[in-house]
Amino acid sequence: MNGKDDEIYFIPGKYTGEEIPSDDYVKVTNLDRDFASVVFTNDNILLIKIDDYSKVFQRSSHGLIKLYNDDKYYNDSLYIDFEGTKSLYKKGVHFINMNLKENYAWNLEGKLK
């Protein structure tokens, strides 16, 4: 994840450069909320979950990154348990939740560096 002004980039793996990669990234602008999630699928695809009102540009010719909301009902059936008004990731789902404004992330094991 890398942000500049009102743009946020999701880039798989460790990224230490300042240039935007030419492939395998998701760029988000007009993010309506301060939170995003990444779900790690069993077939090594990153599903980026953001609000529906953001503007998204996706570049992933290798199919490494997909948008969760592009097939929300299907992805919800695989990864989410609904309990009343709450929704939680199902047991065994690997994910990272991110607070983009405060610049921290967490998973089931706690806060990540």
PDB file of N, CA and C in Angstrom:
ATOM      1  N   MET A   1       0.852  -1.161   0.000  1.00  0.00           N
ATOM      2  CA  MET A   1       0.000   0.000   0.000  1.00  0.00           C
ATOM      3  C   MET A   1       0.892   1.217   0.000  1.00  0.00           C
ATOM      4  N   ASN A   2       0.616   2.143  -0.853  1.00  0.00           N
ATOM      5  CA  ASN A   2       1.376   3.379  -0.931  1.00  0.00           C
ATOM      6  C   ASN A   2       0.388   4.488  -1.229  1.00  0.00           C
ATOM      7  N   GLY A   3       0.453   5.603  -0.548  1.00  0.00           N
ATOM      8  CA  GLY A   3      -0.504   6.673  -0.782  1.00  0.00           C
ATOM      9  C   GLY A   3       0.183   7.991  -1.089  1.00  0.00           C
ATOM     10  N   LYS A   4      -0.391   8.756  -1.987  1.00  0.00           N
ATOM     11  CA  LYS A   4       0.109  10.081  -2.304  1.00  0.00           C
ATOM     12  C   LYS A   4      -1.112  10.948  -2.543  1.00  0.00           C
ATOM     13  N   ASP A   5      -1.232  12.028  -1.769  1.00  0.00           N
ATOM     14  CA  ASP A   5      -2.388  12.902  -1.839  1.00  0.00           C
ATOM     15  C   ASP A   5      -3.654  12.081  -1.606  1.00  0.00           C
ATOM     16  N   ASP A   6      -4.563  12.060  -2.560  1.00  0.00           N
ATOM     17  CA  ASP A   6      -5.812  11.313  -2.405  1.00  0.00           C
ATOM     18  C   ASP A   6      -5.785   9.980  -3.140  1.00  0.00           C
ATOM     19  N   GLU A   7      -4.632   9.503  -3.482  1.00  0.00           N
ATOM     20  CA  GLU A   7      -4.494   8.219  -4.178  1.00  0.00           C
ATOM     21  C   GLU A   7      -3.880   7.196  -3.240  1.00  0.00           C
ATOM     22  N   ILE A   8      -4.408   5.982  -3.294  1.00  0.00           N
ATOM     23  CA  ILE A   8      -3.847   4.876  -2.526  1.00  0.00           C
ATOM     24  C   ILE A   8      -3.583   3.739  -3.497  1.00  0.00           C
ATOM     25  N   TYR A   9      -2.411   3.129  -3.378  1.00  0.00           N
ATOM     26  CA  TYR A   9      -2.038   2.010  -4.232  1.00  0.00           C
ATOM     27  C   TYR A   9      -1.929   0.753  -3.384  1.00  0.00           C
ATOM     28  N   PHE A  10      -2.512  -0.335  -3.866  1.00  0.00           N
ATOM     29  CA  PHE A  10      -2.342  -1.646  -3.274  1.00  0.00           C
ATOM     30  C   PHE A  10      -1.413  -2.410  -4.199  1.00  0.00           C
ATOM     31  N   ILE A  11      -0.271  -2.815  -3.647  1.00  0.00           N
ATOM     32  CA  ILE A  11       0.773  -3.484  -4.419  1.00  0.00           C
ATOM     33  C   ILE A  11       1.155  -4.747  -3.659  1.00  0.00           C
ATOM     34  N   PRO A  12       1.060  -5.928  -4.277  1.00  0.00           N
ATOM     35  CA  PRO A  12       1.391  -7.154  -3.547  1.00  0.00           C
ATOM     36  C   PRO A  12       2.883  -7.249  -3.252  1.00  0.00           C
ATOM     37  N   GLY A  13       3.197  -7.881  -2.146  1.00  0.00           N
ATOM     38  CA  GLY A  13       4.587  -8.082  -1.756  1.00  0.00           C
ATOM     39  C   GLY A  13       5.159  -6.857  -1.079  1.00  0.00           C
ATOM     40  N   LYS A  14       6.439  -6.906  -0.823  1.00  0.00           N
ATOM     41  CA  LYS A  14       7.124  -5.780  -0.195  1.00  0.00           C
ATOM     42  C   LYS A  14       7.498  -4.780  -1.279  1.00  0.00           C
ATOM     43  N   TYR A  15       7.144  -3.537  -1.043  1.00  0.00           N
ATOM     44  CA  TYR A  15       7.410  -2.489  -2.039  1.00  0.00           C
ATOM     45  C   TYR A  15       8.113  -1.338  -1.344  1.00  0.00           C
ATOM     46  N   THR A  16       9.307  -1.017  -1.808  1.00  0.00           N
ATOM     47  CA  THR A  16      10.078   0.053  -1.178  1.00  0.00           C
ATOM     48  C   THR A  16      10.388   1.189  -2.145  1.00  0.00           C
ATOM     49  N   GLY A  17       9.971   1.062  -3.380  1.00  0.00           N
ATOM     50  CA  GLY A  17      10.255   2.100  -4.370  1.00  0.00           C
ATOM     51  C   GLY A  17       9.307   3.267  -4.276  1.00  0.00           C
ATOM     52  N   GLU A  18       9.614   4.304  -5.009  1.00  0.00           N
ATOM     53  CA  GLU A  18       8.731   5.464  -5.060  1.00  0.00           C
ATOM     54  C   GLU A  18       7.971   5.550  -6.374  1.00  0.00           C
ATOM     55  N   GLU A  19       8.401   4.794  -7.373  1.00  0.00           N
ATOM     56  CA  GLU A  19       7.718   4.807  -8.665  1.00  0.00           C
ATOM     57  C   GLU A  19       6.552   3.826  -8.638  1.00  0.00           C
ATOM     58  N   ILE A  20       5.516   4.170  -9.355  1.00  0.00           N
ATOM     59  CA  ILE A  20       4.358   3.294  -9.468  1.00  0.00           C
ATOM     60  C   ILE A  20       4.738   2.132 -10.386  1.00  0.00           C
ATOM     61  N   PRO A  21       4.465   0.906  -9.968  1.00  0.00           N
ATOM     62  CA  PRO A  21       4.796  -0.231 -10.836  1.00  0.00           C
ATOM     63  C   PRO A  21       3.949  -0.200 -12.105  1.00  0.00           C
ATOM     64  N   SER A  22       4.407  -0.891 -13.114  1.00  0.00           N
ATOM     65  CA  SER A  22       3.683  -0.898 -14.388  1.00  0.00           C
ATOM     66  C   SER A  22       2.599  -1.977 -14.429  1.00  0.00           C
ATOM     67  N   ASP A  23       2.599  -2.899 -13.468  1.00  0.00           N
ATOM     68  CA  ASP A  23       1.626  -3.980 -13.473  1.00  0.00           C
ATOM     69  C   ASP A  23       1.381  -4.466 -12.042  1.00  0.00           C
ATOM     70  N   ASP A  24       0.302  -5.196 -11.862  1.00  0.00           N
ATOM     71  CA  ASP A  24      -0.068  -5.811 -10.591  1.00  0.00           C
ATOM     72  C   ASP A  24      -0.218  -4.797  -9.460  1.00  0.00           C
ATOM     73  N   TYR A  25      -1.164  -3.901  -9.629  1.00  0.00           N
ATOM     74  CA  TYR A  25      -1.511  -2.952  -8.582  1.00  0.00           C
ATOM     75  C   TYR A  25      -2.958  -2.510  -8.750  1.00  0.00           C
ATOM     76  N   VAL A  26      -3.499  -1.939  -7.696  1.00  0.00           N
ATOM     77  CA  VAL A  26      -4.819  -1.322  -7.720  1.00  0.00           C
ATOM     78  C   VAL A  26      -4.647   0.091  -7.194  1.00  0.00           C
ATOM     79  N   LYS A  27      -5.136   1.064  -7.948  1.00  0.00           N
ATOM     80  CA  LYS A  27      -5.097   2.461  -7.532  1.00  0.00           C
ATOM     81  C   LYS A  27      -6.516   2.879  -7.168  1.00  0.00           C
ATOM     82  N   VAL A  28      -6.663   3.510  -5.989  1.00  0.00           N
ATOM     83  CA  VAL A  28      -7.968   3.930  -5.499  1.00  0.00           C
ATOM     84  C   VAL A  28      -7.931   5.427  -5.235  1.00  0.00           C
ATOM     85  N   THR A  29      -8.942   6.128  -5.733  1.00  0.00           N
ATOM     86  CA  THR A  29      -9.125   7.539  -5.407  1.00  0.00           C
ATOM     87  C   THR A  29     -10.546   7.725  -4.884  1.00  0.00           C
ATOM     88  N   ASN A  30     -10.788   8.847  -4.263  1.00  0.00           N
ATOM     89  CA  ASN A  30     -12.109   9.151  -3.687  1.00  0.00           C
ATOM     90  C   ASN A  30     -12.567   8.061  -2.731  1.00  0.00           C
ATOM     91  N   LEU A  31     -11.656   7.600  -1.912  1.00  0.00           N
ATOM     92  CA  LEU A  31     -12.004   6.573  -0.935  1.00  0.00           C
ATOM     93  C   LEU A  31     -13.000   7.163   0.050  1.00  0.00           C
ATOM     94  N   ASP A  32     -14.178   6.562   0.124  1.00  0.00           N
ATOM     95  CA  ASP A  32     -15.256   7.082   0.956  1.00  0.00           C
ATOM     96  C   ASP A  32     -15.060   6.747   2.431  1.00  0.00           C
ATOM     97  N   ARG A  33     -14.362   5.672   2.712  1.00  0.00           N
ATOM     98  CA  ARG A  33     -14.125   5.256   4.092  1.00  0.00           C
ATOM     99  C   ARG A  33     -12.632   5.135   4.321  1.00  0.00           C
ATOM    100  N   ASP A  34     -12.253   5.052   5.581  1.00  0.00           N
ATOM    101  CA  ASP A  34     -10.838   4.959   5.932  1.00  0.00           C
ATOM    102  C   ASP A  34     -10.339   3.524   6.044  1.00  0.00           C
ATOM    103  N   PHE A  35     -11.218   2.559   5.727  1.00  0.00           N
ATOM    104  CA  PHE A  35     -10.848   1.164   5.916  1.00  0.00           C
ATOM    105  C   PHE A  35     -10.862   0.398   4.593  1.00  0.00           C
ATOM    106  N   ALA A  36      -9.975  -0.576   4.518  1.00  0.00           N
ATOM    107  CA  ALA A  36      -9.929  -1.498   3.384  1.00  0.00           C
ATOM    108  C   ALA A  36      -9.477  -2.849   3.929  1.00  0.00           C
ATOM    109  N   SER A  37      -9.749  -3.891   3.176  1.00  0.00           N
ATOM    110  CA  SER A  37      -9.326  -5.237   3.566  1.00  0.00           C
ATOM    111  C   SER A  37      -8.716  -5.937   2.367  1.00  0.00           C
ATOM    112  N   VAL A  38      -7.860  -6.881   2.667  1.00  0.00           N
ATOM    113  CA  VAL A  38      -7.314  -7.773   1.649  1.00  0.00           C
ATOM    114  C   VAL A  38      -7.578  -9.187   2.119  1.00  0.00           C
ATOM    115  N   VAL A  39      -8.206  -9.977   1.263  1.00  0.00           N
ATOM    116  CA  VAL A  39      -8.440 -11.393   1.540  1.00  0.00           C
ATOM    117  C   VAL A  39      -7.462 -12.182   0.671  1.00  0.00           C
ATOM    118  N   PHE A  40      -6.757 -13.127   1.304  1.00  0.00           N
ATOM    119  CA  PHE A  40      -5.816 -13.976   0.590  1.00  0.00           C
ATOM    120  C   PHE A  40      -6.536 -15.274   0.229  1.00  0.00           C
ATOM    121  N   THR A  41      -6.721 -15.527  -1.057  1.00  0.00           N
ATOM    122  CA  THR A  41      -7.453 -16.714  -1.485  1.00  0.00           C
ATOM    123  C   THR A  41      -6.534 -17.929  -1.515  1.00  0.00           C
ATOM    124  N   ASN A  42      -7.122 -19.102  -1.593  1.00  0.00           N
ATOM    125  CA  ASN A  42      -6.342 -20.340  -1.665  1.00  0.00           C
ATOM    126  C   ASN A  42      -5.567 -20.467  -2.969  1.00  0.00           C
ATOM    127  N   ASP A  43      -5.988 -19.736  -4.011  1.00  0.00           N
ATOM    128  CA  ASP A  43      -5.275 -19.804  -5.289  1.00  0.00           C
ATOM    129  C   ASP A  43      -4.359 -18.591  -5.498  1.00  0.00           C
ATOM    130  N   ASN A  44      -3.855 -18.018  -4.381  1.00  0.00           N
ATOM    131  CA  ASN A  44      -2.853 -16.949  -4.382  1.00  0.00           C
ATOM    132  C   ASN A  44      -3.291 -15.670  -5.088  1.00  0.00           C
ATOM    133  N   ILE A  45      -4.558 -15.338  -4.961  1.00  0.00           N
ATOM    134  CA  ILE A  45      -5.073 -14.073  -5.490  1.00  0.00           C
ATOM    135  C   ILE A  45      -5.390 -13.174  -4.308  1.00  0.00           C
ATOM    136  N   LEU A  46      -5.089 -11.890  -4.449  1.00  0.00           N
ATOM    137  CA  LEU A  46      -5.436 -10.910  -3.434  1.00  0.00           C
ATOM    138  C   LEU A  46      -6.761 -10.280  -3.818  1.00  0.00           C
ATOM    139  N   LEU A  47      -7.736 -10.359  -2.926  1.00  0.00           N
ATOM    140  CA  LEU A  47      -9.027  -9.708  -3.151  1.00  0.00           C
ATOM    141  C   LEU A  47      -9.047  -8.415  -2.343  1.00  0.00           C
ATOM    142  N   ILE A  48      -9.068  -7.287  -3.020  1.00  0.00           N
ATOM    143  CA  ILE A  48      -9.091  -5.986  -2.366  1.00  0.00           C
ATOM    144  C   ILE A  48     -10.543  -5.603  -2.122  1.00  0.00           C
ATOM    145  N   LYS A  49     -10.877  -5.334  -0.859  1.00  0.00           N
ATOM    146  CA  LYS A  49     -12.253  -5.002  -0.481  1.00  0.00           C
ATOM    147  C   LYS A  49     -12.291  -3.544  -0.018  1.00  0.00           C
ATOM    148  N   ILE A  50     -12.971  -2.699  -0.799  1.00  0.00           N
ATOM    149  CA  ILE A  50     -13.129  -1.284  -0.477  1.00  0.00           C
ATOM    150  C   ILE A  50     -14.584  -0.902  -0.689  1.00  0.00           C
ATOM    151  N   ASP A  51     -14.925   0.326  -0.323  1.00  0.00           N
ATOM    152  CA  ASP A  51     -16.315   0.758  -0.482  1.00  0.00           C
ATOM    153  C   ASP A  51     -16.677   0.908  -1.960  1.00  0.00           C
ATOM    154  N   ASP A  52     -17.964   0.916  -2.237  1.00  0.00           N
ATOM    155  CA  ASP A  52     -18.460   0.946  -3.615  1.00  0.00           C
ATOM    156  C   ASP A  52     -18.325   2.299  -4.292  1.00  0.00           C
ATOM    157  N   TYR A  53     -18.074   3.361  -3.549  1.00  0.00           N
ATOM    158  CA  TYR A  53     -18.087   4.706  -4.125  1.00  0.00           C
ATOM    159  C   TYR A  53     -16.716   5.203  -4.551  1.00  0.00           C
ATOM    160  N   SER A  54     -15.701   4.442  -4.319  1.00  0.00           N
ATOM    161  CA  SER A  54     -14.356   4.840  -4.696  1.00  0.00           C
ATOM    162  C   SER A  54     -14.149   4.645  -6.196  1.00  0.00           C
ATOM    163  N   LYS A  55     -13.255   5.431  -6.744  1.00  0.00           N
ATOM    164  CA  LYS A  55     -12.847   5.238  -8.135  1.00  0.00           C
ATOM    165  C   LYS A  55     -11.631   4.322  -8.127  1.00  0.00           C
ATOM    166  N   VAL A  56     -11.693   3.277  -8.949  1.00  0.00           N
ATOM    167  CA  VAL A  56     -10.665   2.250  -8.922  1.00  0.00           C
ATOM    168  C   VAL A  56     -10.093   2.050 -10.316  1.00  0.00           C
ATOM    169  N   PHE A  57      -8.768   1.979 -10.375  1.00  0.00           N
ATOM    170  CA  PHE A  57      -8.083   1.576 -11.601  1.00  0.00           C
ATOM    171  C   PHE A  57      -7.274   0.345 -11.246  1.00  0.00           C
ATOM    172  N   GLN A  58      -7.519  -0.726 -11.953  1.00  0.00           N
ATOM    173  CA  GLN A  58      -6.867  -1.998 -11.665  1.00  0.00           C
ATOM    174  C   GLN A  58      -5.965  -2.378 -12.820  1.00  0.00           C
ATOM    175  N   ARG A  59      -4.749  -2.764 -12.507  1.00  0.00           N
ATOM    176  CA  ARG A  59      -3.825  -3.238 -13.528  1.00  0.00           C
ATOM    177  C   ARG A  59      -3.198  -4.516 -13.002  1.00  0.00           C
ATOM    178  N   SER A  60      -3.647  -5.644 -13.503  1.00  0.00           N
ATOM    179  CA  SER A  60      -3.107  -6.919 -13.055  1.00  0.00           C
ATOM    180  C   SER A  60      -3.194  -7.923 -14.190  1.00  0.00           C
ATOM    181  N   SER A  61      -2.252  -7.850 -15.089  1.00  0.00           N
ATOM    182  CA  SER A  61      -2.275  -8.753 -16.238  1.00  0.00           C
ATOM    183  C   SER A  61      -1.995 -10.205 -15.832  1.00  0.00           C
ATOM    184  N   HIS A  62      -1.421 -10.413 -14.665  1.00  0.00           N
ATOM    185  CA  HIS A  62      -1.160 -11.767 -14.180  1.00  0.00           C
ATOM    186  C   HIS A  62      -2.311 -12.318 -13.342  1.00  0.00           C
ATOM    187  N   GLY A  63      -3.352 -11.506 -13.106  1.00  0.00           N
ATOM    188  CA  GLY A  63      -4.496 -11.952 -12.328  1.00  0.00           C
ATOM    189  C   GLY A  63      -4.205 -12.113 -10.845  1.00  0.00           C
ATOM    190  N   LEU A  64      -3.169 -11.427 -10.336  1.00  0.00           N
ATOM    191  CA  LEU A  64      -2.796 -11.551  -8.931  1.00  0.00           C
ATOM    192  C   LEU A  64      -3.708 -10.759  -7.998  1.00  0.00           C
ATOM    193  N   ILE A  65      -4.333  -9.721  -8.532  1.00  0.00           N
ATOM    194  CA  ILE A  65      -5.172  -8.841  -7.727  1.00  0.00           C
ATOM    195  C   ILE A  65      -6.551  -8.736  -8.370  1.00  0.00           C
ATOM    196  N   LYS A  66      -7.574  -8.893  -7.552  1.00  0.00           N
ATOM    197  CA  LYS A  66      -8.938  -8.707  -8.024  1.00  0.00           C
ATOM    198  C   LYS A  66      -9.688  -7.870  -7.006  1.00  0.00           C
ATOM    199  N   LEU A  67     -10.760  -7.268  -7.431  1.00  0.00           N
ATOM    200  CA  LEU A  67     -11.586  -6.475  -6.531  1.00  0.00           C
ATOM    201  C   LEU A  67     -12.682  -7.349  -5.949  1.00  0.00           C
ATOM    202  N   TYR A  68     -12.770  -7.372  -4.655  1.00  0.00           N
ATOM    203  CA  TYR A  68     -13.747  -8.183  -3.937  1.00  0.00           C
ATOM    204  C   TYR A  68     -15.163  -7.879  -4.415  1.00  0.00           C
ATOM    205  N   ASN A  69     -15.479  -6.600  -4.587  1.00  0.00           N
ATOM    206  CA  ASN A  69     -16.845  -6.199  -4.928  1.00  0.00           C
ATOM    207  C   ASN A  69     -17.234  -6.500  -6.368  1.00  0.00           C
ATOM    208  N   ASP A  70     -16.275  -6.869  -7.217  1.00  0.00           N
ATOM    209  CA  ASP A  70     -16.630  -7.252  -8.589  1.00  0.00           C
ATOM    210  C   ASP A  70     -17.508  -8.500  -8.608  1.00  0.00           C
ATOM    211  N   ASP A  71     -17.385  -9.339  -7.592  1.00  0.00           N
ATOM    212  CA  ASP A  71     -18.225 -10.526  -7.453  1.00  0.00           C
ATOM    213  C   ASP A  71     -18.582 -10.689  -5.971  1.00  0.00           C
ATOM    214  N   LYS A  72     -19.162  -9.641  -5.398  1.00  0.00           N
ATOM    215  CA  LYS A  72     -19.401  -9.534  -3.959  1.00  0.00           C
ATOM    216  C   LYS A  72     -20.228 -10.692  -3.400  1.00  0.00           C
ATOM    217  N   TYR A  73     -21.311 -11.040  -4.038  1.00  0.00           N
ATOM    218  CA  TYR A  73     -22.173 -12.109  -3.509  1.00  0.00           C
ATOM    219  C   TYR A  73     -21.434 -13.442  -3.451  1.00  0.00           C
ATOM    220  N   TYR A  74     -20.687 -13.746  -4.470  1.00  0.00           N
ATOM    221  CA  TYR A  74     -19.913 -14.987  -4.490  1.00  0.00           C
ATOM    222  C   TYR A  74     -18.825 -14.953  -3.419  1.00  0.00           C
ATOM    223  N   ASN A  75     -18.082 -13.854  -3.356  1.00  0.00           N
ATOM    224  CA  ASN A  75     -17.010 -13.739  -2.374  1.00  0.00           C
ATOM    225  C   ASN A  75     -17.552 -13.746  -0.948  1.00  0.00           C
ATOM    226  N   ASP A  76     -18.673 -13.068  -0.718  1.00  0.00           N
ATOM    227  CA  ASP A  76     -19.295 -13.112   0.612  1.00  0.00           C
ATOM    228  C   ASP A  76     -19.637 -14.547   0.996  1.00  0.00           C
ATOM    229  N   SER A  77     -20.157 -15.326   0.041  1.00  0.00           N
ATOM    230  CA  SER A  77     -20.534 -16.707   0.351  1.00  0.00           C
ATOM    231  C   SER A  77     -19.313 -17.550   0.727  1.00  0.00           C
ATOM    232  N   LEU A  78     -18.160 -17.225   0.190  1.00  0.00           N
ATOM    233  CA  LEU A  78     -16.942 -17.974   0.495  1.00  0.00           C
ATOM    234  C   LEU A  78     -16.251 -17.520   1.772  1.00  0.00           C
ATOM    235  N   TYR A  79     -16.287 -16.212   2.057  1.00  0.00           N
ATOM    236  CA  TYR A  79     -15.402 -15.656   3.076  1.00  0.00           C
ATOM    237  C   TYR A  79     -16.084 -15.015   4.283  1.00  0.00           C
ATOM    238  N   ILE A  80     -17.387 -14.768   4.226  1.00  0.00           N
ATOM    239  CA  ILE A  80     -18.049 -14.000   5.281  1.00  0.00           C
ATOM    240  C   ILE A  80     -19.129 -14.814   5.984  1.00  0.00           C
ATOM    241  N   ASP A  81     -19.186 -14.677   7.309  1.00  0.00           N
ATOM    242  CA  ASP A  81     -20.299 -15.177   8.119  1.00  0.00           C
ATOM    243  C   ASP A  81     -21.097 -13.968   8.572  1.00  0.00           C
ATOM    244  N   PHE A  82     -22.389 -14.006   8.361  1.00  0.00           N
ATOM    245  CA  PHE A  82     -23.256 -12.909   8.778  1.00  0.00           C
ATOM    246  C   PHE A  82     -23.962 -13.307  10.067  1.00  0.00           C
ATOM    247  N   GLU A  83     -23.884 -12.427  11.062  1.00  0.00           N
ATOM    248  CA  GLU A  83     -24.545 -12.648  12.342  1.00  0.00           C
ATOM    249  C   GLU A  83     -25.334 -11.390  12.679  1.00  0.00           C
ATOM    250  N   GLY A  84     -26.618 -11.370  12.323  1.00  0.00           N
ATOM    251  CA  GLY A  84     -27.433 -10.179  12.538  1.00  0.00           C
ATOM    252  C   GLY A  84     -26.917  -9.033  11.689  1.00  0.00           C
ATOM    253  N   THR A  85     -26.530  -7.942  12.323  1.00  0.00           N
ATOM    254  CA  THR A  85     -26.005  -6.784  11.586  1.00  0.00           C
ATOM    255  C   THR A  85     -24.494  -6.830  11.459  1.00  0.00           C
ATOM    256  N   LYS A  86     -23.859  -7.829  12.063  1.00  0.00           N
ATOM    257  CA  LYS A  86     -22.404  -7.953  11.998  1.00  0.00           C
ATOM    258  C   LYS A  86     -22.005  -8.952  10.927  1.00  0.00           C
ATOM    259  N   SER A  87     -20.859  -8.704  10.338  1.00  0.00           N
ATOM    260  CA  SER A  87     -20.287  -9.677   9.415  1.00  0.00           C
ATOM    261  C   SER A  87     -18.823  -9.871   9.796  1.00  0.00           C
ATOM    262  N   LEU A  88     -18.412 -11.120   9.831  1.00  0.00           N
ATOM    263  CA  LEU A  88     -17.055 -11.484  10.209  1.00  0.00           C
ATOM    264  C   LEU A  88     -16.497 -12.442   9.170  1.00  0.00           C
ATOM    265  N   TYR A  89     -15.182 -12.418   9.001  1.00  0.00           N
ATOM    266  CA  TYR A  89     -14.580 -13.402   8.113  1.00  0.00           C
ATOM    267  C   TYR A  89     -14.732 -14.789   8.719  1.00  0.00           C
ATOM    268  N   LYS A  90     -14.986 -15.753   7.864  1.00  0.00           N
ATOM    269  CA  LYS A  90     -15.140 -17.131   8.314  1.00  0.00           C
ATOM    270  C   LYS A  90     -13.824 -17.639   8.901  1.00  0.00           C
ATOM    271  N   LYS A  91     -13.947 -18.635   9.757  1.00  0.00           N
ATOM    272  CA  LYS A  91     -12.777 -19.266  10.353  1.00  0.00           C
ATOM    273  C   LYS A  91     -11.889 -19.830   9.243  1.00  0.00           C
ATOM    274  N   GLY A  92     -10.609 -19.572   9.341  1.00  0.00           N
ATOM    275  CA  GLY A  92      -9.659 -20.075   8.360  1.00  0.00           C
ATOM    276  C   GLY A  92      -9.380 -19.122   7.210  1.00  0.00           C
ATOM    277  N   VAL A  93     -10.124 -18.027   7.114  1.00  0.00           N
ATOM    278  CA  VAL A  93      -9.887 -17.044   6.056  1.00  0.00           C
ATOM    279  C   VAL A  93      -8.732 -16.145   6.490  1.00  0.00           C
ATOM    280  N   HIS A  94      -7.744 -16.018   5.633  1.00  0.00           N
ATOM    281  CA  HIS A  94      -6.598 -15.156   5.905  1.00  0.00           C
ATOM    282  C   HIS A  94      -6.875 -13.777   5.304  1.00  0.00           C
ATOM    283  N   PHE A  95      -6.740 -12.762   6.144  1.00  0.00           N
ATOM    284  CA  PHE A  95      -7.068 -11.409   5.713  1.00  0.00           C
ATOM    285  C   PHE A  95      -6.211 -10.399   6.466  1.00  0.00           C
ATOM    286  N   ILE A  96      -6.183  -9.201   5.945  1.00  0.00           N
ATOM    287  CA  ILE A  96      -5.602  -8.053   6.634  1.00  0.00           C
ATOM    288  C   ILE A  96      -6.602  -6.919   6.500  1.00  0.00           C
ATOM    289  N   ASN A  97      -6.997  -6.342   7.628  1.00  0.00           N
ATOM    290  CA  ASN A  97      -7.813  -5.132   7.635  1.00  0.00           C
ATOM    291  C   ASN A  97      -6.880  -3.943   7.806  1.00  0.00           C
ATOM    292  N   MET A  98      -7.185  -2.845   7.135  1.00  0.00           N
ATOM    293  CA  MET A  98      -6.322  -1.671   7.193  1.00  0.00           C
ATOM    294  C   MET A  98      -7.104  -0.422   7.542  1.00  0.00           C
ATOM    295  N   ASN A  99      -6.564   0.369   8.447  1.00  0.00           N
ATOM    296  CA  ASN A  99      -7.056   1.706   8.710  1.00  0.00           C
ATOM    297  C   ASN A  99      -6.118   2.628   7.940  1.00  0.00           C
ATOM    298  N   LEU A 100      -6.575   3.130   6.815  1.00  0.00           N
ATOM    299  CA  LEU A 100      -5.716   3.892   5.910  1.00  0.00           C
ATOM    300  C   LEU A 100      -5.395   5.277   6.452  1.00  0.00           C
ATOM    301  N   LYS A 101      -6.304   5.850   7.186  1.00  0.00           N
ATOM    302  CA  LYS A 101      -6.075   7.182   7.745  1.00  0.00           C
ATOM    303  C   LYS A 101      -5.030   7.139   8.855  1.00  0.00           C
ATOM    304  N   GLU A 102      -5.134   6.139   9.722  1.00  0.00           N
ATOM    305  CA  GLU A 102      -4.217   6.016  10.858  1.00  0.00           C
ATOM    306  C   GLU A 102      -2.962   5.212  10.507  1.00  0.00           C
ATOM    307  N   ASN A 103      -2.924   4.618   9.312  1.00  0.00           N
ATOM    308  CA  ASN A 103      -1.767   3.891   8.801  1.00  0.00           C
ATOM    309  C   ASN A 103      -1.370   2.694   9.681  1.00  0.00           C
ATOM    310  N   TYR A 104      -2.345   1.828   9.962  1.00  0.00           N
ATOM    311  CA  TYR A 104      -2.027   0.571  10.629  1.00  0.00           C
ATOM    312  C   TYR A 104      -2.937  -0.518  10.090  1.00  0.00           C
ATOM    313  N   ALA A 105      -2.533  -1.750  10.362  1.00  0.00           N
ATOM    314  CA  ALA A 105      -3.289  -2.900   9.860  1.00  0.00           C
ATOM    315  C   ALA A 105      -3.371  -3.960  10.950  1.00  0.00           C
ATOM    316  N   TRP A 106      -4.359  -4.867  10.824  1.00  0.00           N
ATOM    317  CA  TRP A 106      -4.496  -5.952  11.780  1.00  0.00           C
ATOM    318  C   TRP A 106      -5.150  -7.143  11.101  1.00  0.00           C
ATOM    319  N   ASN A 107      -4.916  -8.293  11.715  1.00  0.00           N
ATOM    320  CA  ASN A 107      -5.565  -9.535  11.303  1.00  0.00           C
ATOM    321  C   ASN A 107      -6.050 -10.240  12.568  1.00  0.00           C
ATOM    322  N   LEU A 108      -6.374 -11.511  12.499  1.00  0.00           N
ATOM    323  CA  LEU A 108      -6.865 -12.224  13.676  1.00  0.00           C
ATOM    324  C   LEU A 108      -5.830 -12.292  14.797  1.00  0.00           C
ATOM    325  N   GLU A 109      -4.570 -12.202  14.439  1.00  0.00           N
ATOM    326  CA  GLU A 109      -3.506 -12.287  15.439  1.00  0.00           C
ATOM    327  C   GLU A 109      -3.198 -10.957  16.090  1.00  0.00           C
ATOM    328  N   GLY A 110      -3.797  -9.872  15.602  1.00  0.00           N
ATOM    329  CA  GLY A 110      -3.578  -8.559  16.206  1.00  0.00           C
ATOM    330  C   GLY A 110      -3.021  -7.556  15.227  1.00  0.00           C
ATOM    331  N   LYS A 111      -2.497  -6.446  15.775  1.00  0.00           N
ATOM    332  CA  LYS A 111      -1.975  -5.331  15.000  1.00  0.00           C
ATOM    333  C   LYS A 111      -0.671  -5.722  14.312  1.00  0.00           C
ATOM    334  N   LEU A 112      -0.545  -5.312  13.054  1.00  0.00           N
ATOM    335  CA  LEU A 112       0.653  -5.631  12.260  1.00  0.00           C
ATOM    336  C   LEU A 112       1.523  -4.381  12.113  1.00  0.00           C
ATOM    337  N   LYS A 113       2.785  -4.607  11.943  1.00  0.00           N
ATOM    338  CA  LYS A 113       3.717  -3.489  11.732  1.00  0.00           C
ATOM    339  C   LYS A 113       3.807  -3.159  10.271  1.00  0.00           C
TER     340      LYS A 113
END
